[in-house]
Amino acid sequence: FVGATLRSVEDTTASVTLESGPEEGSRRSVGLPPEVAGLDLEPG
């Protein structure tokens, strides 16, 4: 398990910055379940 900070959400895809793990500091795109993507997620 690793922590990540949300940068942005588009449809069901989130852009995040990894905060832990072997690739800490890198940016990745992660798929979100539709019910999660529909929440009021905000950068940070």
PDB file of all heavy atoms in Angstrom:
ATOM      1  N   PHE A   1       0.841  -1.192   0.000  1.00  0.00           N
ATOM      2  CA  PHE A   1       0.000   0.000   0.000  1.00  0.00           C
ATOM      3  C   PHE A   1       0.878   1.245   0.000  1.00  0.00           C
ATOM      4  O   PHE A   1       1.904   1.290   0.682  1.00  0.00           O
ATOM      5  CB  PHE A   1      -0.917   0.017   1.227  1.00  0.00           C
ATOM      6  CG  PHE A   1      -1.959  -1.065   1.224  1.00  0.00           C
ATOM      7  CD1 PHE A   1      -1.843  -2.155   2.066  1.00  0.00           C
ATOM      8  CD2 PHE A   1      -3.043  -0.996   0.370  1.00  0.00           C
ATOM      9  CE1 PHE A   1      -2.795  -3.153   2.067  1.00  0.00           C
ATOM     10  CE2 PHE A   1      -3.999  -1.993   0.355  1.00  0.00           C
ATOM     11  CZ  PHE A   1      -3.875  -3.076   1.208  1.00  0.00           C
ATOM     12  N   VAL A   2       0.464   2.227  -0.770  1.00  0.00           N
ATOM     13  CA  VAL A   2       1.194   3.492  -0.818  1.00  0.00           C
ATOM     14  C   VAL A   2       0.193   4.634  -0.717  1.00  0.00           C
ATOM     15  O   VAL A   2      -0.981   4.494  -1.067  1.00  0.00           O
ATOM     16  CB  VAL A   2       2.011   3.626  -2.126  1.00  0.00           C
ATOM     17  CG1 VAL A   2       3.038   2.521  -2.239  1.00  0.00           C
ATOM     18  CG2 VAL A   2       1.097   3.639  -3.347  1.00  0.00           C
ATOM     19  N   GLY A   3       0.677   5.767  -0.228  1.00  0.00           N
ATOM     20  CA  GLY A   3      -0.150   6.960  -0.165  1.00  0.00           C
ATOM     21  C   GLY A   3       0.031   7.807  -1.409  1.00  0.00           C
ATOM     22  O   GLY A   3       1.088   7.787  -2.052  1.00  0.00           O
ATOM     23  N   ALA A   4      -0.986   8.567  -1.761  1.00  0.00           N
ATOM     24  CA  ALA A   4      -0.922   9.432  -2.943  1.00  0.00           C
ATOM     25  C   ALA A   4      -1.764  10.672  -2.702  1.00  0.00           C
ATOM     26  O   ALA A   4      -2.754  10.630  -1.958  1.00  0.00           O
ATOM     27  CB  ALA A   4      -1.410   8.692  -4.182  1.00  0.00           C
ATOM     28  N   THR A   5      -1.363  11.763  -3.349  1.00  0.00           N
ATOM     29  CA  THR A   5      -2.109  13.020  -3.266  1.00  0.00           C
ATOM     30  C   THR A   5      -2.783  13.287  -4.600  1.00  0.00           C
ATOM     31  O   THR A   5      -2.133  13.222  -5.662  1.00  0.00           O
ATOM     32  CB  THR A   5      -1.174  14.191  -2.916  1.00  0.00           C
ATOM     33  OG1 THR A   5      -0.577  13.939  -1.651  1.00  0.00           O
ATOM     34  CG2 THR A   5      -1.962  15.496  -2.836  1.00  0.00           C
ATOM     35  N   LEU A   6      -4.067  13.566  -4.557  1.00  0.00           N
ATOM     36  CA  LEU A   6      -4.827  13.790  -5.782  1.00  0.00           C
ATOM     37  C   LEU A   6      -4.441  15.126  -6.417  1.00  0.00           C
ATOM     38  O   LEU A   6      -4.359  16.147  -5.735  1.00  0.00           O
ATOM     39  CB  LEU A   6      -6.322  13.774  -5.456  1.00  0.00           C
ATOM     40  CG  LEU A   6      -7.280  13.967  -6.635  1.00  0.00           C
ATOM     41  CD1 LEU A   6      -7.212  12.770  -7.580  1.00  0.00           C
ATOM     42  CD2 LEU A   6      -8.703  14.163  -6.125  1.00  0.00           C
ATOM     43  N   ARG A   7      -4.210  15.094  -7.735  1.00  0.00           N
ATOM     44  CA  ARG A   7      -3.911  16.319  -8.475  1.00  0.00           C
ATOM     45  C   ARG A   7      -5.136  16.796  -9.248  1.00  0.00           C
ATOM     46  O   ARG A   7      -5.486  17.963  -9.242  1.00  0.00           O
ATOM     47  CB  ARG A   7      -2.743  16.076  -9.435  1.00  0.00           C
ATOM     48  CG  ARG A   7      -1.429  15.735  -8.737  1.00  0.00           C
ATOM     49  CD  ARG A   7      -0.326  15.457  -9.743  1.00  0.00           C
ATOM     50  NE  ARG A   7      -0.129  16.600 -10.631  1.00  0.00           N
ATOM     51  CZ  ARG A   7       0.638  17.646 -10.346  1.00  0.00           C
ATOM     52  NH1 ARG A   7       1.277  17.696  -9.172  1.00  0.00           N
ATOM     53  NH2 ARG A   7       0.772  18.646 -11.197  1.00  0.00           N
ATOM     54  N   SER A   8      -5.806  15.848  -9.927  1.00  0.00           N
ATOM     55  CA  SER A   8      -6.992  16.207 -10.700  1.00  0.00           C
ATOM     56  C   SER A   8      -7.783  14.943 -11.005  1.00  0.00           C
ATOM     57  O   SER A   8      -7.264  13.831 -10.905  1.00  0.00           O
ATOM     58  CB  SER A   8      -6.605  16.921 -12.009  1.00  0.00           C
ATOM     59  OG  SER A   8      -5.841  16.056 -12.834  1.00  0.00           O
ATOM     60  N   VAL A   9      -9.066  15.134 -11.357  1.00  0.00           N
ATOM     61  CA  VAL A   9      -9.941  14.021 -11.726  1.00  0.00           C
ATOM     62  C   VAL A   9     -10.636  14.367 -13.032  1.00  0.00           C
ATOM     63  O   VAL A   9     -11.206  15.461 -13.178  1.00  0.00           O
ATOM     64  CB  VAL A   9     -11.005  13.748 -10.645  1.00  0.00           C
ATOM     65  CG1 VAL A   9     -11.938  12.629 -11.094  1.00  0.00           C
ATOM     66  CG2 VAL A   9     -10.342  13.386  -9.328  1.00  0.00           C
ATOM     67  N   GLU A  10     -10.610  13.422 -13.967  1.00  0.00           N
ATOM     68  CA  GLU A  10     -11.325  13.577 -15.225  1.00  0.00           C
ATOM     69  C   GLU A  10     -12.066  12.296 -15.510  1.00  0.00           C
ATOM     70  O   GLU A  10     -11.454  11.238 -15.700  1.00  0.00           O
ATOM     71  CB  GLU A  10     -10.350  13.890 -16.363  1.00  0.00           C
ATOM     72  CG  GLU A  10     -11.055  14.180 -17.692  1.00  0.00           C
ATOM     73  CD  GLU A  10     -10.095  14.622 -18.777  1.00  0.00           C
ATOM     74  OE1 GLU A  10      -8.937  14.887 -18.457  1.00  0.00           O
ATOM     75  OE2 GLU A  10     -10.515  14.687 -19.943  1.00  0.00           O
ATOM     76  N   ASP A  11     -13.393  12.387 -15.519  1.00  0.00           N
ATOM     77  CA  ASP A  11     -14.248  11.200 -15.636  1.00  0.00           C
ATOM     78  C   ASP A  11     -13.909  10.227 -14.505  1.00  0.00           C
ATOM     79  O   ASP A  11     -14.113  10.538 -13.353  1.00  0.00           O
ATOM     80  CB  ASP A  11     -14.103  10.563 -17.018  1.00  0.00           C
ATOM     81  CG  ASP A  11     -14.618  11.484 -18.118  1.00  0.00           C
ATOM     82  OD1 ASP A  11     -15.546  12.257 -17.830  1.00  0.00           O
ATOM     83  OD2 ASP A  11     -14.070  11.453 -19.232  1.00  0.00           O
ATOM     84  N   THR A  12     -13.398   9.048 -14.850  1.00  0.00           N
ATOM     85  CA  THR A  12     -13.059   8.056 -13.820  1.00  0.00           C
ATOM     86  C   THR A  12     -11.550   7.839 -13.713  1.00  0.00           C
ATOM     87  O   THR A  12     -11.097   6.800 -13.241  1.00  0.00           O
ATOM     88  CB  THR A  12     -13.739   6.715 -14.127  1.00  0.00           C
ATOM     89  OG1 THR A  12     -13.324   6.258 -15.413  1.00  0.00           O
ATOM     90  CG2 THR A  12     -15.246   6.846 -14.083  1.00  0.00           C
ATOM     91  N   THR A  13     -10.785   8.826 -14.131  1.00  0.00           N
ATOM     92  CA  THR A  13      -9.329   8.733 -14.057  1.00  0.00           C
ATOM     93  C   THR A  13      -8.785   9.849 -13.177  1.00  0.00           C
ATOM     94  O   THR A  13      -9.149  11.016 -13.337  1.00  0.00           O
ATOM     95  CB  THR A  13      -8.692   8.831 -15.457  1.00  0.00           C
ATOM     96  OG1 THR A  13      -9.212   7.786 -16.290  1.00  0.00           O
ATOM     97  CG2 THR A  13      -7.178   8.696 -15.365  1.00  0.00           C
ATOM     98  N   ALA A  14      -7.925   9.468 -12.253  1.00  0.00           N
ATOM     99  CA  ALA A  14      -7.325  10.436 -11.343  1.00  0.00           C
ATOM    100  C   ALA A  14      -5.841  10.562 -11.621  1.00  0.00           C
ATOM    101  O   ALA A  14      -5.146   9.559 -11.858  1.00  0.00           O
ATOM    102  CB  ALA A  14      -7.545   9.999  -9.898  1.00  0.00           C
ATOM    103  N   SER A  15      -5.363  11.788 -11.598  1.00  0.00           N
ATOM    104  CA  SER A  15      -3.932  12.052 -11.679  1.00  0.00           C
ATOM    105  C   SER A  15      -3.429  12.276 -10.263  1.00  0.00           C
ATOM    106  O   SER A  15      -3.954  13.133  -9.539  1.00  0.00           O
ATOM    107  CB  SER A  15      -3.657  13.280 -12.543  1.00  0.00           C
ATOM    108  OG  SER A  15      -2.277  13.619 -12.518  1.00  0.00           O
ATOM    109  N   VAL A  16      -2.411  11.495  -9.851  1.00  0.00           N
ATOM    110  CA  VAL A  16      -1.949  11.555  -8.466  1.00  0.00           C
ATOM    111  C   VAL A  16      -0.434  11.676  -8.409  1.00  0.00           C
ATOM    112  O   VAL A  16       0.271  11.353  -9.371  1.00  0.00           O
ATOM    113  CB  VAL A  16      -2.384  10.299  -7.680  1.00  0.00           C
ATOM    114  CG1 VAL A  16      -3.896  10.142  -7.677  1.00  0.00           C
ATOM    115  CG2 VAL A  16      -1.726   9.047  -8.244  1.00  0.00           C
ATOM    116  N   THR A  17       0.026  12.150  -7.253  1.00  0.00           N
ATOM    117  CA  THR A  17       1.453  12.162  -6.939  1.00  0.00           C
ATOM    118  C   THR A  17       1.687  11.168  -5.814  1.00  0.00           C
ATOM    119  O   THR A  17       1.045  11.248  -4.759  1.00  0.00           O
ATOM    120  CB  THR A  17       1.913  13.560  -6.494  1.00  0.00           C
ATOM    121  OG1 THR A  17       1.688  14.495  -7.549  1.00  0.00           O
ATOM    122  CG2 THR A  17       3.400  13.538  -6.149  1.00  0.00           C
ATOM    123  N   LEU A  18       2.584  10.209  -6.040  1.00  0.00           N
ATOM    124  CA  LEU A  18       2.858   9.186  -5.036  1.00  0.00           C
ATOM    125  C   LEU A  18       3.616   9.805  -3.859  1.00  0.00           C
ATOM    126  O   LEU A  18       4.607  10.516  -4.051  1.00  0.00           O
ATOM    127  CB  LEU A  18       3.681   8.050  -5.651  1.00  0.00           C
ATOM    128  CG  LEU A  18       3.031   7.325  -6.839  1.00  0.00           C
ATOM    129  CD1 LEU A  18       3.956   6.234  -7.368  1.00  0.00           C
ATOM    130  CD2 LEU A  18       1.686   6.730  -6.448  1.00  0.00           C
ATOM    131  N   GLU A  19       3.140   9.549  -2.644  1.00  0.00           N
ATOM    132  CA  GLU A  19       3.746  10.120  -1.449  1.00  0.00           C
ATOM    133  C   GLU A  19       4.568   9.108  -0.655  1.00  0.00           C
ATOM    134  O   GLU A  19       5.196   9.455   0.342  1.00  0.00           O
ATOM    135  CB  GLU A  19       2.654  10.699  -0.541  1.00  0.00           C
ATOM    136  CG  GLU A  19       1.823  11.789  -1.191  1.00  0.00           C
ATOM    137  CD  GLU A  19       2.643  13.032  -1.540  1.00  0.00           C
ATOM    138  OE1 GLU A  19       3.750  13.188  -0.973  1.00  0.00           O
ATOM    139  OE2 GLU A  19       2.196  13.823  -2.380  1.00  0.00           O
ATOM    140  N   SER A  20       4.566   7.857  -1.072  1.00  0.00           N
ATOM    141  CA  SER A  20       5.353   6.826  -0.396  1.00  0.00           C
ATOM    142  C   SER A  20       5.604   5.699  -1.380  1.00  0.00           C
ATOM    143  O   SER A  20       5.121   5.718  -2.506  1.00  0.00           O
ATOM    144  CB  SER A  20       4.625   6.303   0.856  1.00  0.00           C
ATOM    145  OG  SER A  20       3.370   5.726   0.505  1.00  0.00           O
ATOM    146  N   GLY A  21       6.362   4.713  -0.956  1.00  0.00           N
ATOM    147  CA  GLY A  21       6.657   3.591  -1.823  1.00  0.00           C
ATOM    148  C   GLY A  21       7.934   3.785  -2.619  1.00  0.00           C
ATOM    149  O   GLY A  21       8.601   4.824  -2.539  1.00  0.00           O
ATOM    150  N   PRO A  22       8.285   2.801  -3.431  1.00  0.00           N
ATOM    151  CA  PRO A  22       9.557   2.856  -4.188  1.00  0.00           C
ATOM    152  C   PRO A  22       9.599   3.951  -5.247  1.00  0.00           C
ATOM    153  O   PRO A  22      10.684   4.337  -5.670  1.00  0.00           O
ATOM    154  CB  PRO A  22       9.648   1.467  -4.819  1.00  0.00           C
ATOM    155  CG  PRO A  22       8.238   0.970  -4.871  1.00  0.00           C
ATOM    156  CD  PRO A  22       7.562   1.537  -3.674  1.00  0.00           C
ATOM    157  N   GLU A  23       8.448   4.437  -5.695  1.00  0.00           N
ATOM    158  CA  GLU A  23       8.423   5.482  -6.726  1.00  0.00           C
ATOM    159  C   GLU A  23       7.872   6.791  -6.160  1.00  0.00           C
ATOM    160  O   GLU A  23       7.184   7.536  -6.837  1.00  0.00           O
ATOM    161  CB  GLU A  23       7.586   5.022  -7.927  1.00  0.00           C
ATOM    162  CG  GLU A  23       8.158   3.776  -8.607  1.00  0.00           C
ATOM    163  CD  GLU A  23       7.339   3.347  -9.822  1.00  0.00           C
ATOM    164  OE1 GLU A  23       6.089   3.401  -9.748  1.00  0.00           O
ATOM    165  OE2 GLU A  23       7.943   2.959 -10.824  1.00  0.00           O
ATOM    166  N   GLU A  24       8.209   7.058  -4.900  1.00  0.00           N
ATOM    167  CA  GLU A  24       7.739   8.256  -4.225  1.00  0.00           C
ATOM    168  C   GLU A  24       8.108   9.517  -5.009  1.00  0.00           C
ATOM    169  O   GLU A  24       9.237   9.660  -5.494  1.00  0.00           O
ATOM    170  CB  GLU A  24       8.339   8.329  -2.826  1.00  0.00           C
ATOM    171  CG  GLU A  24       7.909   9.541  -2.020  1.00  0.00           C
ATOM    172  CD  GLU A  24       8.514   9.555  -0.636  1.00  0.00           C
ATOM    173  OE1 GLU A  24       9.149   8.545  -0.254  1.00  0.00           O
ATOM    174  OE2 GLU A  24       8.370  10.577   0.070  1.00  0.00           O
ATOM    175  N   GLY A  25       7.132  10.414  -5.156  1.00  0.00           N
ATOM    176  CA  GLY A  25       7.354  11.674  -5.853  1.00  0.00           C
ATOM    177  C   GLY A  25       6.963  11.667  -7.310  1.00  0.00           C
ATOM    178  O   GLY A  25       6.812  12.729  -7.929  1.00  0.00           O
ATOM    179  N   SER A  26       6.757  10.478  -7.881  1.00  0.00           N
ATOM    180  CA  SER A  26       6.380  10.400  -9.300  1.00  0.00           C
ATOM    181  C   SER A  26       4.882  10.583  -9.465  1.00  0.00           C
ATOM    182  O   SER A  26       4.105  10.432  -8.525  1.00  0.00           O
ATOM    183  CB  SER A  26       6.814   9.057  -9.885  1.00  0.00           C
ATOM    184  OG  SER A  26       6.188   7.980  -9.191  1.00  0.00           O
ATOM    185  N   ARG A  27       4.483  10.903 -10.686  1.00  0.00           N
ATOM    186  CA  ARG A  27       3.072  11.105 -11.002  1.00  0.00           C
ATOM    187  C   ARG A  27       2.533   9.901 -11.755  1.00  0.00           C
ATOM    188  O   ARG A  27       3.220   9.332 -12.608  1.00  0.00           O
ATOM    189  CB  ARG A  27       2.878  12.374 -11.841  1.00  0.00           C
ATOM    190  CG  ARG A  27       3.317  13.646 -11.134  1.00  0.00           C
ATOM    191  CD  ARG A  27       3.077  14.863 -12.017  1.00  0.00           C
ATOM    192  NE  ARG A  27       3.546  16.096 -11.367  1.00  0.00           N
ATOM    193  CZ  ARG A  27       3.467  17.305 -11.917  1.00  0.00           C
ATOM    194  NH1 ARG A  27       2.931  17.438 -13.140  1.00  0.00           N
ATOM    195  NH2 ARG A  27       3.918  18.365 -11.277  1.00  0.00           N
ATOM    196  N   ARG A  28       1.295   9.535 -11.444  1.00  0.00           N
ATOM    197  CA  ARG A  28       0.672   8.386 -12.084  1.00  0.00           C
ATOM    198  C   ARG A  28      -0.807   8.683 -12.331  1.00  0.00           C
ATOM    199  O   ARG A  28      -1.414   9.552 -11.694  1.00  0.00           O
ATOM    200  CB  ARG A  28       0.781   7.133 -11.216  1.00  0.00           C
ATOM    201  CG  ARG A  28       2.199   6.595 -11.075  1.00  0.00           C
ATOM    202  CD  ARG A  28       2.674   5.968 -12.383  1.00  0.00           C
ATOM    203  NE  ARG A  28       3.977   5.348 -12.230  1.00  0.00           N
ATOM    204  CZ  ARG A  28       5.129   5.970 -12.408  1.00  0.00           C
ATOM    205  NH1 ARG A  28       5.127   7.280 -12.703  1.00  0.00           N
ATOM    206  NH2 ARG A  28       6.272   5.324 -12.279  1.00  0.00           N
ATOM    207  N   SER A  29      -1.394   7.938 -13.260  1.00  0.00           N
ATOM    208  CA  SER A  29      -2.840   7.984 -13.516  1.00  0.00           C
ATOM    209  C   SER A  29      -3.452   6.710 -12.979  1.00  0.00           C
ATOM    210  O   SER A  29      -2.941   5.612 -13.243  1.00  0.00           O
ATOM    211  CB  SER A  29      -3.128   8.130 -15.014  1.00  0.00           C
ATOM    212  OG  SER A  29      -2.688   9.378 -15.492  1.00  0.00           O
ATOM    213  N   VAL A  30      -4.542   6.849 -12.241  1.00  0.00           N
ATOM    214  CA  VAL A  30      -5.184   5.706 -11.597  1.00  0.00           C
ATOM    215  C   VAL A  30      -6.675   5.727 -11.899  1.00  0.00           C
ATOM    216  O   VAL A  30      -7.316   6.786 -11.827  1.00  0.00           O
ATOM    217  CB  VAL A  30      -4.964   5.746 -10.066  1.00  0.00           C
ATOM    218  CG1 VAL A  30      -5.650   4.559  -9.398  1.00  0.00           C
ATOM    219  CG2 VAL A  30      -3.489   5.764  -9.729  1.00  0.00           C
ATOM    220  N   GLY A  31      -7.219   4.583 -12.240  1.00  0.00           N
ATOM    221  CA  GLY A  31      -8.651   4.484 -12.471  1.00  0.00           C
ATOM    222  C   GLY A  31      -9.427   4.501 -11.166  1.00  0.00           C
ATOM    223  O   GLY A  31      -8.984   3.936 -10.166  1.00  0.00           O
ATOM    224  N   LEU A  32     -10.574   5.166 -11.183  1.00  0.00           N
ATOM    225  CA  LEU A  32     -11.432   5.248  -9.997  1.00  0.00           C
ATOM    226  C   LEU A  32     -12.758   4.548 -10.258  1.00  0.00           C
ATOM    227  O   LEU A  32     -13.296   4.628 -11.374  1.00  0.00           O
ATOM    228  CB  LEU A  32     -11.710   6.713  -9.633  1.00  0.00           C
ATOM    229  CG  LEU A  32     -10.530   7.584  -9.239  1.00  0.00           C
ATOM    230  CD1 LEU A  32     -11.014   9.016  -9.001  1.00  0.00           C
ATOM    231  CD2 LEU A  32      -9.836   7.052  -8.007  1.00  0.00           C
ATOM    232  N   PRO A  33     -13.317   3.877  -9.262  1.00  0.00           N
ATOM    233  CA  PRO A  33     -14.679   3.347  -9.409  1.00  0.00           C
ATOM    234  C   PRO A  33     -15.647   4.498  -9.664  1.00  0.00           C
ATOM    235  O   PRO A  33     -15.438   5.604  -9.162  1.00  0.00           O
ATOM    236  CB  PRO A  33     -14.949   2.685  -8.059  1.00  0.00           C
ATOM    237  CG  PRO A  33     -13.600   2.432  -7.459  1.00  0.00           C
ATOM    238  CD  PRO A  33     -12.726   3.548  -7.953  1.00  0.00           C
ATOM    239  N   PRO A  34     -16.701   4.263 -10.443  1.00  0.00           N
ATOM    240  CA  PRO A  34     -17.649   5.349 -10.766  1.00  0.00           C
ATOM    241  C   PRO A  34     -18.222   6.028  -9.533  1.00  0.00           C
ATOM    242  O   PRO A  34     -18.382   7.257  -9.509  1.00  0.00           O
ATOM    243  CB  PRO A  34     -18.747   4.634 -11.569  1.00  0.00           C
ATOM    244  CG  PRO A  34     -18.073   3.434 -12.139  1.00  0.00           C
ATOM    245  CD  PRO A  34     -17.051   3.013 -11.130  1.00  0.00           C
ATOM    246  N   GLU A  35     -18.513   5.245  -8.478  1.00  0.00           N
ATOM    247  CA  GLU A  35     -19.108   5.855  -7.285  1.00  0.00           C
ATOM    248  C   GLU A  35     -18.117   6.756  -6.571  1.00  0.00           C
ATOM    249  O   GLU A  35     -18.505   7.725  -5.910  1.00  0.00           O
ATOM    250  CB  GLU A  35     -19.624   4.774  -6.320  1.00  0.00           C
ATOM    251  CG  GLU A  35     -18.573   3.856  -5.738  1.00  0.00           C
ATOM    252  CD  GLU A  35     -18.293   2.653  -6.618  1.00  0.00           C
ATOM    253  OE1 GLU A  35     -18.700   2.673  -7.799  1.00  0.00           O
ATOM    254  OE2 GLU A  35     -17.675   1.703  -6.124  1.00  0.00           O
ATOM    255  N   VAL A  36     -16.828   6.458  -6.694  1.00  0.00           N
ATOM    256  CA  VAL A  36     -15.803   7.305  -6.077  1.00  0.00           C
ATOM    257  C   VAL A  36     -15.566   8.543  -6.931  1.00  0.00           C
ATOM    258  O   VAL A  36     -15.437   9.661  -6.409  1.00  0.00           O
ATOM    259  CB  VAL A  36     -14.491   6.521  -5.892  1.00  0.00           C
ATOM    260  CG1 VAL A  36     -13.386   7.440  -5.365  1.00  0.00           C
ATOM    261  CG2 VAL A  36     -14.706   5.351  -4.943  1.00  0.00           C
ATOM    262  N   ALA A  37     -15.537   8.353  -8.230  1.00  0.00           N
ATOM    263  CA  ALA A  37     -15.316   9.493  -9.126  1.00  0.00           C
ATOM    264  C   ALA A  37     -16.446  10.507  -9.012  1.00  0.00           C
ATOM    265  O   ALA A  37     -16.247  11.708  -9.252  1.00  0.00           O
ATOM    266  CB  ALA A  37     -15.188   9.006 -10.571  1.00  0.00           C
ATOM    267  N   GLY A  38     -17.636  10.055  -8.627  1.00  0.00           N
ATOM    268  CA  GLY A  38     -18.772  10.953  -8.497  1.00  0.00           C
ATOM    269  C   GLY A  38     -18.760  11.776  -7.223  1.00  0.00           C
ATOM    270  O   GLY A  38     -19.577  12.680  -7.061  1.00  0.00           O
ATOM    271  N   LEU A  39     -17.836  11.472  -6.314  1.00  0.00           N
ATOM    272  CA  LEU A  39     -17.734  12.257  -5.088  1.00  0.00           C
ATOM    273  C   LEU A  39     -17.071  13.598  -5.384  1.00  0.00           C
ATOM    274  O   LEU A  39     -16.447  13.789  -6.424  1.00  0.00           O
ATOM    275  CB  LEU A  39     -16.905  11.493  -4.043  1.00  0.00           C
ATOM    276  CG  LEU A  39     -17.484  10.169  -3.536  1.00  0.00           C
ATOM    277  CD1 LEU A  39     -16.490   9.493  -2.598  1.00  0.00           C
ATOM    278  CD2 LEU A  39     -18.813  10.395  -2.818  1.00  0.00           C
ATOM    279  N   ASP A  40     -17.188  14.507  -4.433  1.00  0.00           N
ATOM    280  CA  ASP A  40     -16.575  15.830  -4.606  1.00  0.00           C
ATOM    281  C   ASP A  40     -15.100  15.788  -4.223  1.00  0.00           C
ATOM    282  O   ASP A  40     -14.646  16.465  -3.291  1.00  0.00           O
ATOM    283  CB  ASP A  40     -17.323  16.870  -3.756  1.00  0.00           C
ATOM    284  CG  ASP A  40     -18.745  17.077  -4.228  1.00  0.00           C
ATOM    285  OD1 ASP A  40     -18.966  16.932  -5.439  1.00  0.00           O
ATOM    286  OD2 ASP A  40     -19.614  17.371  -3.390  1.00  0.00           O
ATOM    287  N   LEU A  41     -14.341  14.973  -4.945  1.00  0.00           N
ATOM    288  CA  LEU A  41     -12.911  14.912  -4.701  1.00  0.00           C
ATOM    289  C   LEU A  41     -12.253  16.196  -5.191  1.00  0.00           C
ATOM    290  O   LEU A  41     -12.610  16.728  -6.241  1.00  0.00           O
ATOM    291  CB  LEU A  41     -12.291  13.710  -5.419  1.00  0.00           C
ATOM    292  CG  LEU A  41     -12.746  12.320  -4.926  1.00  0.00           C
ATOM    293  CD1 LEU A  41     -12.125  11.235  -5.778  1.00  0.00           C
ATOM    294  CD2 LEU A  41     -12.363  12.122  -3.464  1.00  0.00           C
ATOM    295  N   GLU A  42     -11.278  16.665  -4.419  1.00  0.00           N
ATOM    296  CA  GLU A  42     -10.614  17.913  -4.753  1.00  0.00           C
ATOM    297  C   GLU A  42      -9.101  17.708  -4.762  1.00  0.00           C
ATOM    298  O   GLU A  42      -8.585  16.815  -4.080  1.00  0.00           O
ATOM    299  CB  GLU A  42     -10.966  19.005  -3.734  1.00  0.00           C
ATOM    300  CG  GLU A  42     -12.443  19.344  -3.686  1.00  0.00           C
ATOM    301  CD  GLU A  42     -12.749  20.378  -2.622  1.00  0.00           C
ATOM    302  OE1 GLU A  42     -11.817  20.708  -1.842  1.00  0.00           O
ATOM    303  OE2 GLU A  42     -13.897  20.846  -2.569  1.00  0.00           O
ATOM    304  N   PRO A  43      -8.371  18.506  -5.520  1.00  0.00           N
ATOM    305  CA  PRO A  43      -6.912  18.425  -5.492  1.00  0.00           C
ATOM    306  C   PRO A  43      -6.398  18.592  -4.063  1.00  0.00           C
ATOM    307  O   PRO A  43      -6.845  19.455  -3.316  1.00  0.00           O
ATOM    308  CB  PRO A  43      -6.476  19.588  -6.391  1.00  0.00           C
ATOM    309  CG  PRO A  43      -7.628  19.777  -7.327  1.00  0.00           C
ATOM    310  CD  PRO A  43      -8.853  19.487  -6.513  1.00  0.00           C
ATOM    311  N   GLY A  44      -5.467  17.731  -3.695  1.00  0.00           N
ATOM    312  CA  GLY A  44      -4.940  17.744  -2.340  1.00  0.00           C
ATOM    313  C   GLY A  44      -5.498  16.647  -1.461  1.00  0.00           C
ATOM    314  O   GLY A  44      -4.940  16.372  -0.393  1.00  0.00           O
TER     315      GLY A  44
END
